[in-house]
Amino acid sequence: IDKKNPAALPFSALSKDLAINTLSVL
């Protein structure tokens, strides 16, 4: 992401990353 605009992180990208980074751990 743009370090100066982290709020622009797309929801779909965060959802994918959370599935890999956290939901897989659960």
mmCIF file of all heavy atoms, coordinates in Angstrom:
data_MODEL
# 
_entry.id   MODEL 
# 
loop_
_atom_site.group_PDB 
_atom_site.id 
_atom_site.type_symbol 
_atom_site.label_atom_id 
_atom_site.label_alt_id 
_atom_site.label_comp_id 
_atom_site.label_asym_id 
_atom_site.label_entity_id 
_atom_site.label_seq_id 
_atom_site.pdbx_PDB_ins_code 
_atom_site.Cartn_x 
_atom_site.Cartn_y 
_atom_site.Cartn_z 
_atom_site.occupancy 
_atom_site.B_iso_or_equiv 
_atom_site.pdbx_formal_charge 
_atom_site.auth_seq_id 
_atom_site.auth_comp_id 
_atom_site.auth_asym_id 
_atom_site.auth_atom_id 
_atom_site.pdbx_PDB_model_num 
ATOM 1   N N   . ILE A 1 1  ? 0.842   -1.199  0.000  1.00 0.00 ? 1  ILE A N   1 
ATOM 2   C CA  . ILE A 1 1  ? 0.000   0.000   0.000  1.00 0.00 ? 1  ILE A CA  1 
ATOM 3   C C   . ILE A 1 1  ? 0.874   1.245   0.000  1.00 0.00 ? 1  ILE A C   1 
ATOM 4   O O   . ILE A 1 1  ? 2.076   1.182   0.227  1.00 0.00 ? 1  ILE A O   1 
ATOM 5   C CB  . ILE A 1 1  ? -0.926  0.044   1.237  1.00 0.00 ? 1  ILE A CB  1 
ATOM 6   C CG1 . ILE A 1 1  ? -0.089  0.053   2.529  1.00 0.00 ? 1  ILE A CG1 1 
ATOM 7   C CG2 . ILE A 1 1  ? -1.926  -1.087  1.222  1.00 0.00 ? 1  ILE A CG2 1 
ATOM 8   C CD1 . ILE A 1 1  ? -0.864  0.413   3.763  1.00 0.00 ? 1  ILE A CD1 1 
ATOM 9   N N   . ASP A 1 2  ? 0.241   2.381   -0.222 1.00 0.00 ? 2  ASP A N   1 
ATOM 10  C CA  . ASP A 1 2  ? 0.907   3.675   -0.111 1.00 0.00 ? 2  ASP A CA  1 
ATOM 11  C C   . ASP A 1 2  ? 1.078   3.965   1.375  1.00 0.00 ? 2  ASP A C   1 
ATOM 12  O O   . ASP A 1 2  ? 0.098   4.121   2.103  1.00 0.00 ? 2  ASP A O   1 
ATOM 13  C CB  . ASP A 1 2  ? 0.045   4.748   -0.781 1.00 0.00 ? 2  ASP A CB  1 
ATOM 14  C CG  . ASP A 1 2  ? 0.614   6.148   -0.684 1.00 0.00 ? 2  ASP A CG  1 
ATOM 15  O OD1 . ASP A 1 2  ? 1.654   6.346   0.002  1.00 0.00 ? 2  ASP A OD1 1 
ATOM 16  O OD2 . ASP A 1 2  ? 0.022   7.044   -1.294 1.00 0.00 ? 2  ASP A OD2 1 
ATOM 17  N N   . LYS A 1 3  ? 2.330   4.042   1.837  1.00 0.00 ? 3  LYS A N   1 
ATOM 18  C CA  . LYS A 1 3  ? 2.614   4.262   3.256  1.00 0.00 ? 3  LYS A CA  1 
ATOM 19  C C   . LYS A 1 3  ? 2.015   5.567   3.777  1.00 0.00 ? 3  LYS A C   1 
ATOM 20  O O   . LYS A 1 3  ? 1.745   5.694   4.962  1.00 0.00 ? 3  LYS A O   1 
ATOM 21  C CB  . LYS A 1 3  ? 4.115   4.269   3.501  1.00 0.00 ? 3  LYS A CB  1 
ATOM 22  C CG  . LYS A 1 3  ? 4.783   2.954   3.247  1.00 0.00 ? 3  LYS A CG  1 
ATOM 23  C CD  . LYS A 1 3  ? 6.281   3.074   3.425  1.00 0.00 ? 3  LYS A CD  1 
ATOM 24  C CE  . LYS A 1 3  ? 6.968   1.804   2.997  1.00 0.00 ? 3  LYS A CE  1 
ATOM 25  N NZ  . LYS A 1 3  ? 8.415   1.914   3.126  1.00 0.00 ? 3  LYS A NZ  1 
ATOM 26  N N   . LYS A 1 4  ? 1.792   6.513   2.900  1.00 0.00 ? 4  LYS A N   1 
ATOM 27  C CA  . LYS A 1 4  ? 1.237   7.805   3.328  1.00 0.00 ? 4  LYS A CA  1 
ATOM 28  C C   . LYS A 1 4  ? -0.285  7.814   3.300  1.00 0.00 ? 4  LYS A C   1 
ATOM 29  O O   . LYS A 1 4  ? -0.911  8.772   3.723  1.00 0.00 ? 4  LYS A O   1 
ATOM 30  C CB  . LYS A 1 4  ? 1.784   8.922   2.438  1.00 0.00 ? 4  LYS A CB  1 
ATOM 31  C CG  . LYS A 1 4  ? 3.283   9.083   2.603  1.00 0.00 ? 4  LYS A CG  1 
ATOM 32  C CD  . LYS A 1 4  ? 3.808   10.229  1.783  1.00 0.00 ? 4  LYS A CD  1 
ATOM 33  C CE  . LYS A 1 4  ? 5.313   10.210  1.904  1.00 0.00 ? 4  LYS A CE  1 
ATOM 34  N NZ  . LYS A 1 4  ? 5.897   11.449  2.164  1.00 0.00 ? 4  LYS A NZ  1 
ATOM 35  N N   . ASN A 1 5  ? -0.879  6.713   2.819  1.00 0.00 ? 5  ASN A N   1 
ATOM 36  C CA  . ASN A 1 5  ? -2.329  6.621   2.763  1.00 0.00 ? 5  ASN A CA  1 
ATOM 37  C C   . ASN A 1 5  ? -2.782  5.189   3.079  1.00 0.00 ? 5  ASN A C   1 
ATOM 38  O O   . ASN A 1 5  ? -3.398  4.530   2.247  1.00 0.00 ? 5  ASN A O   1 
ATOM 39  C CB  . ASN A 1 5  ? -2.839  7.067   1.382  1.00 0.00 ? 5  ASN A CB  1 
ATOM 40  C CG  . ASN A 1 5  ? -4.347  7.179   1.353  1.00 0.00 ? 5  ASN A CG  1 
ATOM 41  O OD1 . ASN A 1 5  ? -5.007  7.259   2.393  1.00 0.00 ? 5  ASN A OD1 1 
ATOM 42  N ND2 . ASN A 1 5  ? -4.922  7.174   0.160  1.00 0.00 ? 5  ASN A ND2 1 
ATOM 43  N N   . PRO A 1 6  ? -2.481  4.713   4.298  1.00 0.00 ? 6  PRO A N   1 
ATOM 44  C CA  . PRO A 1 6  ? -2.843  3.324   4.619  1.00 0.00 ? 6  PRO A CA  1 
ATOM 45  C C   . PRO A 1 6  ? -4.348  3.074   4.630  1.00 0.00 ? 6  PRO A C   1 
ATOM 46  O O   . PRO A 1 6  ? -4.778  1.935   4.454  1.00 0.00 ? 6  PRO A O   1 
ATOM 47  C CB  . PRO A 1 6  ? -2.218  3.099   5.995  1.00 0.00 ? 6  PRO A CB  1 
ATOM 48  C CG  . PRO A 1 6  ? -2.003  4.454   6.566  1.00 0.00 ? 6  PRO A CG  1 
ATOM 49  C CD  . PRO A 1 6  ? -1.791  5.377   5.396  1.00 0.00 ? 6  PRO A CD  1 
ATOM 50  N N   . ALA A 1 7  ? -5.152  4.116   4.784  1.00 0.00 ? 7  ALA A N   1 
ATOM 51  C CA  . ALA A 1 7  ? -6.606  3.932   4.785  1.00 0.00 ? 7  ALA A CA  1 
ATOM 52  C C   . ALA A 1 7  ? -7.122  3.484   3.426  1.00 0.00 ? 7  ALA A C   1 
ATOM 53  O O   . ALA A 1 7  ? -8.256  3.007   3.321  1.00 0.00 ? 7  ALA A O   1 
ATOM 54  C CB  . ALA A 1 7  ? -7.304  5.226   5.204  1.00 0.00 ? 7  ALA A CB  1 
ATOM 55  N N   . ALA A 1 8  ? -6.293  3.584   2.406  1.00 0.00 ? 8  ALA A N   1 
ATOM 56  C CA  . ALA A 1 8  ? -6.704  3.179   1.062  1.00 0.00 ? 8  ALA A CA  1 
ATOM 57  C C   . ALA A 1 8  ? -6.549  1.677   0.825  1.00 0.00 ? 8  ALA A C   1 
ATOM 58  O O   . ALA A 1 8  ? -6.811  1.207   -0.284 1.00 0.00 ? 8  ALA A O   1 
ATOM 59  C CB  . ALA A 1 8  ? -5.904  3.954   0.016  1.00 0.00 ? 8  ALA A CB  1 
ATOM 60  N N   . LEU A 1 9  ? -6.152  0.930   1.855  1.00 0.00 ? 9  LEU A N   1 
ATOM 61  C CA  . LEU A 1 9  ? -6.047  -0.521  1.701  1.00 0.00 ? 9  LEU A CA  1 
ATOM 62  C C   . LEU A 1 9  ? -7.410  -1.069  1.294  1.00 0.00 ? 9  LEU A C   1 
ATOM 63  O O   . LEU A 1 9  ? -8.400  -0.895  2.020  1.00 0.00 ? 9  LEU A O   1 
ATOM 64  C CB  . LEU A 1 9  ? -5.603  -1.160  3.025  1.00 0.00 ? 9  LEU A CB  1 
ATOM 65  C CG  . LEU A 1 9  ? -5.580  -2.685  3.088  1.00 0.00 ? 9  LEU A CG  1 
ATOM 66  C CD1 . LEU A 1 9  ? -4.556  -3.264  2.124  1.00 0.00 ? 9  LEU A CD1 1 
ATOM 67  C CD2 . LEU A 1 9  ? -5.297  -3.149  4.512  1.00 0.00 ? 9  LEU A CD2 1 
ATOM 68  N N   . PRO A 1 10 ? -7.497  -1.718  0.144  1.00 0.00 ? 10 PRO A N   1 
ATOM 69  C CA  . PRO A 1 10 ? -8.797  -2.252  -0.282 1.00 0.00 ? 10 PRO A CA  1 
ATOM 70  C C   . PRO A 1 10 ? -9.310  -3.328  0.678  1.00 0.00 ? 10 PRO A C   1 
ATOM 71  O O   . PRO A 1 10 ? -8.554  -4.203  1.108  1.00 0.00 ? 10 PRO A O   1 
ATOM 72  C CB  . PRO A 1 10 ? -8.504  -2.851  -1.655 1.00 0.00 ? 10 PRO A CB  1 
ATOM 73  C CG  . PRO A 1 10 ? -7.242  -2.204  -2.110 1.00 0.00 ? 10 PRO A CG  1 
ATOM 74  C CD  . PRO A 1 10 ? -6.456  -1.923  -0.860 1.00 0.00 ? 10 PRO A CD  1 
ATOM 75  N N   . PHE A 1 11 ? -10.584 -3.256  0.992  1.00 0.00 ? 11 PHE A N   1 
ATOM 76  C CA  . PHE A 1 11 ? -11.204 -4.226  1.884  1.00 0.00 ? 11 PHE A CA  1 
ATOM 77  C C   . PHE A 1 11 ? -11.007 -5.643  1.372  1.00 0.00 ? 11 PHE A C   1 
ATOM 78  O O   . PHE A 1 11 ? -10.716 -6.559  2.141  1.00 0.00 ? 11 PHE A O   1 
ATOM 79  C CB  . PHE A 1 11 ? -12.694 -3.915  2.051  1.00 0.00 ? 11 PHE A CB  1 
ATOM 80  C CG  . PHE A 1 11 ? -13.404 -4.879  2.958  1.00 0.00 ? 11 PHE A CG  1 
ATOM 81  C CD1 . PHE A 1 11 ? -13.300 -4.759  4.331  1.00 0.00 ? 11 PHE A CD1 1 
ATOM 82  C CD2 . PHE A 1 11 ? -14.154 -5.924  2.435  1.00 0.00 ? 11 PHE A CD2 1 
ATOM 83  C CE1 . PHE A 1 11 ? -13.935 -5.654  5.176  1.00 0.00 ? 11 PHE A CE1 1 
ATOM 84  C CE2 . PHE A 1 11 ? -14.792 -6.821  3.274  1.00 0.00 ? 11 PHE A CE2 1 
ATOM 85  C CZ  . PHE A 1 11 ? -14.690 -6.692  4.639  1.00 0.00 ? 11 PHE A CZ  1 
ATOM 86  N N   . SER A 1 12 ? -11.134 -5.843  0.071  1.00 0.00 ? 12 SER A N   1 
ATOM 87  C CA  . SER A 1 12 ? -10.991 -7.184  -0.494 1.00 0.00 ? 12 SER A CA  1 
ATOM 88  C C   . SER A 1 12 ? -9.576  -7.727  -0.282 1.00 0.00 ? 12 SER A C   1 
ATOM 89  O O   . SER A 1 12 ? -9.396  -8.916  -0.027 1.00 0.00 ? 12 SER A O   1 
ATOM 90  C CB  . SER A 1 12 ? -11.348 -7.187  -1.983 1.00 0.00 ? 12 SER A CB  1 
ATOM 91  O OG  . SER A 1 12 ? -10.488 -6.302  -2.690 1.00 0.00 ? 12 SER A OG  1 
ATOM 92  N N   . ALA A 1 13 ? -8.580  -6.862  -0.373 1.00 0.00 ? 13 ALA A N   1 
ATOM 93  C CA  . ALA A 1 13 ? -7.193  -7.289  -0.157 1.00 0.00 ? 13 ALA A CA  1 
ATOM 94  C C   . ALA A 1 13 ? -6.969  -7.643  1.312  1.00 0.00 ? 13 ALA A C   1 
ATOM 95  O O   . ALA A 1 13 ? -6.324  -8.651  1.627  1.00 0.00 ? 13 ALA A O   1 
ATOM 96  C CB  . ALA A 1 13 ? -6.228  -6.194  -0.598 1.00 0.00 ? 13 ALA A CB  1 
ATOM 97  N N   . LEU A 1 14 ? -7.490  -6.809  2.219  1.00 0.00 ? 14 LEU A N   1 
ATOM 98  C CA  . LEU A 1 14 ? -7.354  -7.099  3.642  1.00 0.00 ? 14 LEU A CA  1 
ATOM 99  C C   . LEU A 1 14 ? -8.055  -8.405  3.988  1.00 0.00 ? 14 LEU A C   1 
ATOM 100 O O   . LEU A 1 14 ? -7.530  -9.231  4.741  1.00 0.00 ? 14 LEU A O   1 
ATOM 101 C CB  . LEU A 1 14 ? -7.920  -5.956  4.495  1.00 0.00 ? 14 LEU A CB  1 
ATOM 102 C CG  . LEU A 1 14 ? -7.889  -6.192  6.003  1.00 0.00 ? 14 LEU A CG  1 
ATOM 103 C CD1 . LEU A 1 14 ? -6.462  -6.407  6.513  1.00 0.00 ? 14 LEU A CD1 1 
ATOM 104 C CD2 . LEU A 1 14 ? -8.547  -5.028  6.728  1.00 0.00 ? 14 LEU A CD2 1 
ATOM 105 N N   . SER A 1 15 ? -9.213  -8.622  3.423  1.00 0.00 ? 15 SER A N   1 
ATOM 106 C CA  . SER A 1 15 ? -9.962  -9.852  3.674  1.00 0.00 ? 15 SER A CA  1 
ATOM 107 C C   . SER A 1 15 ? -9.154  -11.070 3.227  1.00 0.00 ? 15 SER A C   1 
ATOM 108 O O   . SER A 1 15 ? -9.058  -12.069 3.949  1.00 0.00 ? 15 SER A O   1 
ATOM 109 C CB  . SER A 1 15 ? -11.298 -9.788  2.935  1.00 0.00 ? 15 SER A CB  1 
ATOM 110 O OG  . SER A 1 15 ? -12.053 -10.929 3.181  1.00 0.00 ? 15 SER A OG  1 
ATOM 111 N N   . LYS A 1 16 ? -8.541  -10.998 2.058  1.00 0.00 ? 16 LYS A N   1 
ATOM 112 C CA  . LYS A 1 16 ? -7.705  -12.099 1.558  1.00 0.00 ? 16 LYS A CA  1 
ATOM 113 C C   . LYS A 1 16 ? -6.513  -12.313 2.483  1.00 0.00 ? 16 LYS A C   1 
ATOM 114 O O   . LYS A 1 16 ? -6.209  -13.447 2.866  1.00 0.00 ? 16 LYS A O   1 
ATOM 115 C CB  . LYS A 1 16 ? -7.215  -11.791 0.147  1.00 0.00 ? 16 LYS A CB  1 
ATOM 116 C CG  . LYS A 1 16 ? -6.216  -12.801 -0.414 1.00 0.00 ? 16 LYS A CG  1 
ATOM 117 C CD  . LYS A 1 16 ? -5.556  -12.346 -1.702 1.00 0.00 ? 16 LYS A CD  1 
ATOM 118 C CE  . LYS A 1 16 ? -4.695  -11.139 -1.560 1.00 0.00 ? 16 LYS A CE  1 
ATOM 119 N NZ  . LYS A 1 16 ? -3.353  -11.302 -1.013 1.00 0.00 ? 16 LYS A NZ  1 
ATOM 120 N N   . ASP A 1 17 ? -5.842  -11.226 2.865  1.00 0.00 ? 17 ASP A N   1 
ATOM 121 C CA  . ASP A 1 17 ? -4.670  -11.339 3.729  1.00 0.00 ? 17 ASP A CA  1 
ATOM 122 C C   . ASP A 1 17 ? -5.025  -11.894 5.103  1.00 0.00 ? 17 ASP A C   1 
ATOM 123 O O   . ASP A 1 17 ? -4.292  -12.709 5.660  1.00 0.00 ? 17 ASP A O   1 
ATOM 124 C CB  . ASP A 1 17 ? -3.970  -9.985  3.864  1.00 0.00 ? 17 ASP A CB  1 
ATOM 125 C CG  . ASP A 1 17 ? -3.327  -9.524  2.553  1.00 0.00 ? 17 ASP A CG  1 
ATOM 126 O OD1 . ASP A 1 17 ? -3.277  -10.292 1.580  1.00 0.00 ? 17 ASP A OD1 1 
ATOM 127 O OD2 . ASP A 1 17 ? -2.885  -8.351  2.518  1.00 0.00 ? 17 ASP A OD2 1 
ATOM 128 N N   . LEU A 1 18 ? -6.165  -11.473 5.652  1.00 0.00 ? 18 LEU A N   1 
ATOM 129 C CA  . LEU A 1 18 ? -6.592  -12.001 6.951  1.00 0.00 ? 18 LEU A CA  1 
ATOM 130 C C   . LEU A 1 18 ? -6.926  -13.493 6.878  1.00 0.00 ? 18 LEU A C   1 
ATOM 131 O O   . LEU A 1 18 ? -6.674  -14.233 7.824  1.00 0.00 ? 18 LEU A O   1 
ATOM 132 C CB  . LEU A 1 18 ? -7.783  -11.222 7.501  1.00 0.00 ? 18 LEU A CB  1 
ATOM 133 C CG  . LEU A 1 18 ? -7.440  -9.899  8.172  1.00 0.00 ? 18 LEU A CG  1 
ATOM 134 C CD1 . LEU A 1 18 ? -8.712  -9.138  8.538  1.00 0.00 ? 18 LEU A CD1 1 
ATOM 135 C CD2 . LEU A 1 18 ? -6.594  -10.122 9.412  1.00 0.00 ? 18 LEU A CD2 1 
ATOM 136 N N   . ALA A 1 19 ? -7.467  -13.912 5.749  1.00 0.00 ? 19 ALA A N   1 
ATOM 137 C CA  . ALA A 1 19 ? -7.753  -15.339 5.588  1.00 0.00 ? 19 ALA A CA  1 
ATOM 138 C C   . ALA A 1 19 ? -6.453  -16.145 5.655  1.00 0.00 ? 19 ALA A C   1 
ATOM 139 O O   . ALA A 1 19 ? -6.392  -17.205 6.283  1.00 0.00 ? 19 ALA A O   1 
ATOM 140 C CB  . ALA A 1 19 ? -8.477  -15.594 4.267  1.00 0.00 ? 19 ALA A CB  1 
ATOM 141 N N   . ILE A 1 20 ? -5.401  -15.618 5.045  1.00 0.00 ? 20 ILE A N   1 
ATOM 142 C CA  . ILE A 1 20 ? -4.113  -16.306 5.051  1.00 0.00 ? 20 ILE A CA  1 
ATOM 143 C C   . ILE A 1 20 ? -3.426  -16.155 6.400  1.00 0.00 ? 20 ILE A C   1 
ATOM 144 O O   . ILE A 1 20 ? -2.939  -17.129 6.978  1.00 0.00 ? 20 ILE A O   1 
ATOM 145 C CB  . ILE A 1 20 ? -3.216  -15.761 3.915  1.00 0.00 ? 20 ILE A CB  1 
ATOM 146 C CG1 . ILE A 1 20 ? -3.817  -16.136 2.556  1.00 0.00 ? 20 ILE A CG1 1 
ATOM 147 C CG2 . ILE A 1 20 ? -1.778  -16.277 4.052  1.00 0.00 ? 20 ILE A CG2 1 
ATOM 148 C CD1 . ILE A 1 20 ? -3.218  -15.383 1.384  1.00 0.00 ? 20 ILE A CD1 1 
ATOM 149 N N   . ASN A 1 21 ? -3.376  -14.934 6.928  1.00 0.00 ? 21 ASN A N   1 
ATOM 150 C CA  . ASN A 1 21 ? -2.579  -14.632 8.122  1.00 0.00 ? 21 ASN A CA  1 
ATOM 151 C C   . ASN A 1 21 ? -3.227  -15.025 9.443  1.00 0.00 ? 21 ASN A C   1 
ATOM 152 O O   . ASN A 1 21 ? -2.510  -15.255 10.417 1.00 0.00 ? 21 ASN A O   1 
ATOM 153 C CB  . ASN A 1 21 ? -2.250  -13.137 8.166  1.00 0.00 ? 21 ASN A CB  1 
ATOM 154 C CG  . ASN A 1 21 ? -1.369  -12.700 7.025  1.00 0.00 ? 21 ASN A CG  1 
ATOM 155 O OD1 . ASN A 1 21 ? -0.610  -13.474 6.466  1.00 0.00 ? 21 ASN A OD1 1 
ATOM 156 N ND2 . ASN A 1 21 ? -1.460  -11.436 6.660  1.00 0.00 ? 21 ASN A ND2 1 
ATOM 157 N N   . THR A 1 22 ? -4.542  -15.068 9.497  1.00 0.00 ? 22 THR A N   1 
ATOM 158 C CA  . THR A 1 22 ? -5.209  -15.296 10.779 1.00 0.00 ? 22 THR A CA  1 
ATOM 159 C C   . THR A 1 22 ? -6.220  -16.436 10.746 1.00 0.00 ? 22 THR A C   1 
ATOM 160 O O   . THR A 1 22 ? -6.182  -17.302 11.618 1.00 0.00 ? 22 THR A O   1 
ATOM 161 C CB  . THR A 1 22 ? -5.894  -14.000 11.258 1.00 0.00 ? 22 THR A CB  1 
ATOM 162 O OG1 . THR A 1 22 ? -4.902  -12.969 11.346 1.00 0.00 ? 22 THR A OG1 1 
ATOM 163 C CG2 . THR A 1 22 ? -6.548  -14.180 12.608 1.00 0.00 ? 22 THR A CG2 1 
ATOM 164 N N   . LEU A 1 23 ? -7.087  -16.436 9.766  1.00 0.00 ? 23 LEU A N   1 
ATOM 165 C CA  . LEU A 1 23 ? -8.107  -17.490 9.731  1.00 0.00 ? 23 LEU A CA  1 
ATOM 166 C C   . LEU A 1 23 ? -7.480  -18.869 9.557  1.00 0.00 ? 23 LEU A C   1 
ATOM 167 O O   . LEU A 1 23 ? -7.960  -19.851 10.134 1.00 0.00 ? 23 LEU A O   1 
ATOM 168 C CB  . LEU A 1 23 ? -9.138  -17.209 8.646  1.00 0.00 ? 23 LEU A CB  1 
ATOM 169 C CG  . LEU A 1 23 ? -9.914  -15.891 8.815  1.00 0.00 ? 23 LEU A CG  1 
ATOM 170 C CD1 . LEU A 1 23 ? -10.925 -15.725 7.692  1.00 0.00 ? 23 LEU A CD1 1 
ATOM 171 C CD2 . LEU A 1 23 ? -10.581 -15.822 10.181 1.00 0.00 ? 23 LEU A CD2 1 
ATOM 172 N N   . SER A 1 24 ? -6.389  -18.945 8.806  1.00 0.00 ? 24 SER A N   1 
ATOM 173 C CA  . SER A 1 24 ? -5.698  -20.229 8.657  1.00 0.00 ? 24 SER A CA  1 
ATOM 174 C C   . SER A 1 24 ? -5.116  -20.697 9.991  1.00 0.00 ? 24 SER A C   1 
ATOM 175 O O   . SER A 1 24 ? -5.066  -21.899 10.265 1.00 0.00 ? 24 SER A O   1 
ATOM 176 C CB  . SER A 1 24 ? -4.594  -20.139 7.602  1.00 0.00 ? 24 SER A CB  1 
ATOM 177 O OG  . SER A 1 24 ? -3.571  -19.251 8.020  1.00 0.00 ? 24 SER A OG  1 
ATOM 178 N N   . VAL A 1 25 ? -4.702  -19.749 10.839 1.00 0.00 ? 25 VAL A N   1 
ATOM 179 C CA  . VAL A 1 25 ? -4.164  -20.095 12.153 1.00 0.00 ? 25 VAL A CA  1 
ATOM 180 C C   . VAL A 1 25 ? -5.279  -20.650 13.041 1.00 0.00 ? 25 VAL A C   1 
ATOM 181 O O   . VAL A 1 25 ? -5.079  -21.626 13.771 1.00 0.00 ? 25 VAL A O   1 
ATOM 182 C CB  . VAL A 1 25 ? -3.476  -18.888 12.822 1.00 0.00 ? 25 VAL A CB  1 
ATOM 183 C CG1 . VAL A 1 25 ? -2.944  -19.253 14.200 1.00 0.00 ? 25 VAL A CG1 1 
ATOM 184 C CG2 . VAL A 1 25 ? -2.349  -18.362 11.940 1.00 0.00 ? 25 VAL A CG2 1 
ATOM 185 N N   . LEU A 1 26 ? -6.456  -20.052 12.966 1.00 0.00 ? 26 LEU A N   1 
ATOM 186 C CA  . LEU A 1 26 ? -7.592  -20.571 13.730 1.00 0.00 ? 26 LEU A CA  1 
ATOM 187 C C   . LEU A 1 26 ? -7.918  -21.992 13.290 1.00 0.00 ? 26 LEU A C   1 
ATOM 188 O O   . LEU A 1 26 ? -8.151  -22.872 14.126 1.00 0.00 ? 26 LEU A O   1 
ATOM 189 C CB  . LEU A 1 26 ? -8.808  -19.653 13.570 1.00 0.00 ? 26 LEU A CB  1 
ATOM 190 C CG  . LEU A 1 26 ? -10.081 -20.109 14.279 1.00 0.00 ? 26 LEU A CG  1 
ATOM 191 C CD1 . LEU A 1 26 ? -9.863  -20.252 15.781 1.00 0.00 ? 26 LEU A CD1 1 
ATOM 192 C CD2 . LEU A 1 26 ? -11.216 -19.133 13.988 1.00 0.00 ? 26 LEU A CD2 1 
# 
